[in-house]
Amino acid sequence: MNAAEKIKRSWWVLISFIILINGLGLMYVGHRQNNYNWSLEGIIYEIPWIFCICYVDFDPLYDPFFVLAMIFMLISIIRSFWIALKLADVYENEDKYLIQNTSLNAQNKMKSNDNFSTTMGCCVCLVAIFVIFLILTI
């Protein structure tokens, strides 16, 4: 697969650079690739923007929600590029990833469950940090 085709398949990374909707790119690719964890991650990156809109202040630079939202936006950009690089590898080797024995499918399901618990742990930690930050600002 050439570079132009990889770029066409990774257009969703550009959404990470747009304020207020930076998590939608991850939600989109999570839905397209049937990966619940990426969709959940995109939702978590949108939560600070929702609070920022609901509790708008007159000076957004001193608003803690705005600062948290910008930090999450930076994390979202980095994570989007990371996922796009992973998917580029998958696109490059599509034939190898599509054909698997049934014994490998059972092992992959077990590995995906381990991956799910790790990602859920990370998401819970992010939400806990957000709640602690929210409590400290009040």
C-alpha atoms as a PDB file:
ATOM      1  CA  MET A   1       0.000   0.000   0.000  1.00  0.00           C
ATOM      2  CA  ASN A   2       1.388   3.403  -0.949  1.00  0.00           C
ATOM      3  CA  ALA A   3       1.631   6.479   1.294  1.00  0.00           C
ATOM      4  CA  ALA A   4      -1.356   8.243  -0.299  1.00  0.00           C
ATOM      5  CA  GLU A   5      -3.629   5.299   0.489  1.00  0.00           C
ATOM      6  CA  LYS A   6      -2.439   5.237   4.127  1.00  0.00           C
ATOM      7  CA  ILE A   7      -3.119   8.970   4.453  1.00  0.00           C
ATOM      8  CA  LYS A   8      -6.608   8.549   2.969  1.00  0.00           C
ATOM      9  CA  ARG A   9      -7.390   5.852   5.511  1.00  0.00           C
ATOM     10  CA  SER A  10      -6.078   7.979   8.404  1.00  0.00           C
ATOM     11  CA  TRP A  11      -7.972  11.206   7.722  1.00  0.00           C
ATOM     12  CA  TRP A  12      -9.673  10.936  11.119  1.00  0.00           C
ATOM     13  CA  VAL A  13      -6.411  11.963  12.850  1.00  0.00           C
ATOM     14  CA  LEU A  14      -7.034  15.544  11.696  1.00  0.00           C
ATOM     15  CA  ILE A  15     -10.114  15.722  13.939  1.00  0.00           C
ATOM     16  CA  SER A  16      -7.817  15.542  16.979  1.00  0.00           C
ATOM     17  CA  PHE A  17      -6.534  19.026  16.178  1.00  0.00           C
ATOM     18  CA  ILE A  18      -9.991  20.648  16.290  1.00  0.00           C
ATOM     19  CA  ILE A  19     -11.030  22.184  19.590  1.00  0.00           C
ATOM     20  CA  LEU A  20     -14.279  20.832  21.131  1.00  0.00           C
ATOM     21  CA  ILE A  21     -14.430  17.705  18.932  1.00  0.00           C
ATOM     22  CA  ASN A  22     -10.963  16.221  19.363  1.00  0.00           C
ATOM     23  CA  GLY A  23     -12.318  12.917  20.729  1.00  0.00           C
ATOM     24  CA  LEU A  24     -14.666  12.279  17.809  1.00  0.00           C
ATOM     25  CA  GLY A  25     -11.841  10.950  15.632  1.00  0.00           C
ATOM     26  CA  LEU A  26     -11.116   8.196  18.134  1.00  0.00           C
ATOM     27  CA  MET A  27     -14.816   7.448  18.484  1.00  0.00           C
ATOM     28  CA  TYR A  28     -15.073   7.164  14.691  1.00  0.00           C
ATOM     29  CA  VAL A  29     -12.109   4.811  14.271  1.00  0.00           C
ATOM     30  CA  GLY A  30     -13.255   2.787  17.288  1.00  0.00           C
ATOM     31  CA  HIS A  31     -16.618   2.308  15.624  1.00  0.00           C
ATOM     32  CA  ARG A  32     -15.093   1.507  12.203  1.00  0.00           C
ATOM     33  CA  GLN A  33     -12.591  -0.998  13.603  1.00  0.00           C
ATOM     34  CA  ASN A  34     -15.045  -2.494  16.113  1.00  0.00           C
ATOM     35  CA  ASN A  35     -12.802  -1.471  19.019  1.00  0.00           C
ATOM     36  CA  TYR A  36     -14.864  -0.424  22.036  1.00  0.00           C
ATOM     37  CA  ASN A  37     -11.774   0.803  23.893  1.00  0.00           C
ATOM     38  CA  TRP A  38     -10.931   3.455  21.305  1.00  0.00           C
ATOM     39  CA  SER A  39     -14.527   4.690  21.312  1.00  0.00           C
ATOM     40  CA  LEU A  40     -14.502   4.912  25.101  1.00  0.00           C
ATOM     41  CA  GLU A  41     -11.202   6.751  24.967  1.00  0.00           C
ATOM     42  CA  GLY A  42     -12.704   9.296  22.559  1.00  0.00           C
ATOM     43  CA  ILE A  43     -15.631   9.864  24.913  1.00  0.00           C
ATOM     44  CA  ILE A  44     -13.259  10.457  27.822  1.00  0.00           C
ATOM     45  CA  TYR A  45     -11.369  13.072  25.798  1.00  0.00           C
ATOM     46  CA  GLU A  46     -14.667  14.897  25.189  1.00  0.00           C
ATOM     47  CA  ILE A  47     -15.768  15.060  28.851  1.00  0.00           C
ATOM     48  CA  PRO A  48     -13.624  18.107  29.833  1.00  0.00           C
ATOM     49  CA  TRP A  49     -14.952  20.067  26.842  1.00  0.00           C
ATOM     50  CA  ILE A  50     -18.518  19.383  27.961  1.00  0.00           C
ATOM     51  CA  PHE A  51     -17.727  20.687  31.460  1.00  0.00           C
ATOM     52  CA  CYS A  52     -15.847  23.624  29.948  1.00  0.00           C
ATOM     53  CA  ILE A  53     -18.938  24.591  27.940  1.00  0.00           C
ATOM     54  CA  CYS A  54     -21.329  24.075  30.857  1.00  0.00           C
ATOM     55  CA  TYR A  55     -19.268  26.070  33.368  1.00  0.00           C
ATOM     56  CA  VAL A  56     -17.887  28.754  31.087  1.00  0.00           C
ATOM     57  CA  ASP A  57     -15.940  31.549  32.748  1.00  0.00           C
ATOM     58  CA  PHE A  58     -15.141  34.960  31.387  1.00  0.00           C
ATOM     59  CA  ASP A  59     -11.418  34.263  31.320  1.00  0.00           C
ATOM     60  CA  PRO A  60     -10.886  30.833  29.744  1.00  0.00           C
ATOM     61  CA  LEU A  61      -7.127  30.767  30.342  1.00  0.00           C
ATOM     62  CA  TYR A  62      -7.653  30.567  34.103  1.00  0.00           C
ATOM     63  CA  ASP A  63     -10.531  28.164  33.891  1.00  0.00           C
ATOM     64  CA  PRO A  64      -9.378  24.761  35.205  1.00  0.00           C
ATOM     65  CA  PHE A  65     -11.756  22.920  32.877  1.00  0.00           C
ATOM     66  CA  PHE A  66     -10.195  24.656  29.898  1.00  0.00           C
ATOM     67  CA  VAL A  67      -6.686  23.715  31.058  1.00  0.00           C
ATOM     68  CA  LEU A  68      -7.739  20.096  31.588  1.00  0.00           C
ATOM     69  CA  ALA A  69      -9.460  20.030  28.197  1.00  0.00           C
ATOM     70  CA  MET A  70      -6.304  21.319  26.495  1.00  0.00           C
ATOM     71  CA  ILE A  71      -4.190  18.672  28.257  1.00  0.00           C
ATOM     72  CA  PHE A  72      -6.637  15.963  27.144  1.00  0.00           C
ATOM     73  CA  MET A  73      -6.537  17.397  23.632  1.00  0.00           C
ATOM     74  CA  LEU A  74      -2.749  17.032  23.553  1.00  0.00           C
ATOM     75  CA  ILE A  75      -3.068  13.450  24.784  1.00  0.00           C
ATOM     76  CA  SER A  76      -5.742  12.822  22.145  1.00  0.00           C
ATOM     77  CA  ILE A  77      -3.448  14.063  19.368  1.00  0.00           C
ATOM     78  CA  ILE A  78      -0.592  11.826  20.497  1.00  0.00           C
ATOM     79  CA  ARG A  79      -2.882   8.830  20.927  1.00  0.00           C
ATOM     80  CA  SER A  80      -4.473   9.376  17.494  1.00  0.00           C
ATOM     81  CA  PHE A  81      -1.093   9.282  15.798  1.00  0.00           C
ATOM     82  CA  TRP A  82      -0.180   6.162  17.771  1.00  0.00           C
ATOM     83  CA  ILE A  83      -3.360   4.371  16.683  1.00  0.00           C
ATOM     84  CA  ALA A  84      -2.930   5.551  13.076  1.00  0.00           C
ATOM     85  CA  LEU A  85       0.573   4.045  13.003  1.00  0.00           C
ATOM     86  CA  LYS A  86      -0.808   0.773  14.384  1.00  0.00           C
ATOM     87  CA  LEU A  87      -3.525   0.725  11.748  1.00  0.00           C
ATOM     88  CA  ALA A  88      -1.023   1.553   8.994  1.00  0.00           C
ATOM     89  CA  ASP A  89       0.822  -1.629   9.942  1.00  0.00           C
ATOM     90  CA  VAL A  90      -2.446  -3.551   9.804  1.00  0.00           C
ATOM     91  CA  TYR A  91      -3.317  -2.038   6.419  1.00  0.00           C
ATOM     92  CA  GLU A  92       0.158  -2.918   5.131  1.00  0.00           C
ATOM     93  CA  ASN A  93      -0.263  -6.556   6.143  1.00  0.00           C
ATOM     94  CA  GLU A  94      -4.010  -6.968   5.637  1.00  0.00           C
ATOM     95  CA  ASP A  95      -3.683 -10.409   4.080  1.00  0.00           C
ATOM     96  CA  LYS A  96      -1.655 -11.690   6.999  1.00  0.00           C
ATOM     97  CA  TYR A  97      -4.136 -10.366   9.555  1.00  0.00           C
ATOM     98  CA  LEU A  98      -7.274 -11.614   7.825  1.00  0.00           C
ATOM     99  CA  ILE A  99      -6.319 -15.285   7.492  1.00  0.00           C
ATOM    100  CA  GLN A 100      -6.001 -17.073  10.840  1.00  0.00           C
ATOM    101  CA  ASN A 101      -6.511 -20.581  12.111  1.00  0.00           C
ATOM    102  CA  THR A 102      -9.364 -21.232  14.514  1.00  0.00           C
ATOM    103  CA  SER A 103      -6.920 -22.037  17.314  1.00  0.00           C
ATOM    104  CA  LEU A 104      -5.390 -18.591  16.886  1.00  0.00           C
ATOM    105  CA  ASN A 105      -8.811 -16.961  17.085  1.00  0.00           C
ATOM    106  CA  ALA A 106      -9.381 -18.437  20.551  1.00  0.00           C
ATOM    107  CA  GLN A 107      -5.981 -17.147  21.713  1.00  0.00           C
ATOM    108  CA  ASN A 108      -6.669 -13.697  20.253  1.00  0.00           C
ATOM    109  CA  LYS A 109      -9.987 -13.494  22.098  1.00  0.00           C
ATOM    110  CA  MET A 110      -8.179 -14.234  25.352  1.00  0.00           C
ATOM    111  CA  LYS A 111      -5.579 -11.559  24.575  1.00  0.00           C
ATOM    112  CA  SER A 112      -8.264  -8.997  23.711  1.00  0.00           C
ATOM    113  CA  ASN A 113      -9.880  -9.557  27.116  1.00  0.00           C
ATOM    114  CA  ASP A 114      -6.533  -8.798  28.785  1.00  0.00           C
ATOM    115  CA  ASN A 115      -6.230  -5.708  26.611  1.00  0.00           C
ATOM    116  CA  PHE A 116      -9.738  -4.641  27.581  1.00  0.00           C
ATOM    117  CA  SER A 117      -9.027  -4.830  31.319  1.00  0.00           C
ATOM    118  CA  THR A 118      -5.820  -2.822  30.914  1.00  0.00           C
ATOM    119  CA  THR A 119      -7.567  -0.149  28.875  1.00  0.00           C
ATOM    120  CA  MET A 120     -10.477  -0.018  31.299  1.00  0.00           C
ATOM    121  CA  GLY A 121      -7.983   0.447  34.143  1.00  0.00           C
ATOM    122  CA  CYS A 122      -6.381   3.353  32.294  1.00  0.00           C
ATOM    123  CA  CYS A 123      -9.774   4.906  31.563  1.00  0.00           C
ATOM    124  CA  VAL A 124     -10.835   4.565  35.195  1.00  0.00           C
ATOM    125  CA  CYS A 125      -7.591   6.256  36.274  1.00  0.00           C
ATOM    126  CA  LEU A 126      -8.193   9.125  33.832  1.00  0.00           C
ATOM    127  CA  VAL A 127     -11.731   9.594  35.113  1.00  0.00           C
ATOM    128  CA  ALA A 128     -10.490   9.457  38.734  1.00  0.00           C
ATOM    129  CA  ILE A 129      -7.869  12.130  37.992  1.00  0.00           C
ATOM    130  CA  PHE A 130     -10.549  14.243  36.347  1.00  0.00           C
ATOM    131  CA  VAL A 131     -12.888  13.890  39.361  1.00  0.00           C
ATOM    132  CA  ILE A 132     -10.070  14.742  41.800  1.00  0.00           C
ATOM    133  CA  PHE A 133      -9.169  17.757  39.694  1.00  0.00           C
ATOM    134  CA  LEU A 134     -12.836  18.784  39.663  1.00  0.00           C
ATOM    135  CA  ILE A 135     -13.101  18.484  43.453  1.00  0.00           C
ATOM    136  CA  LEU A 136      -9.933  20.524  43.989  1.00  0.00           C
ATOM    137  CA  THR A 137     -11.181  23.330  41.770  1.00  0.00           C
ATOM    138  CA  ILE A 138     -14.482  23.654  43.623  1.00  0.00           C
END
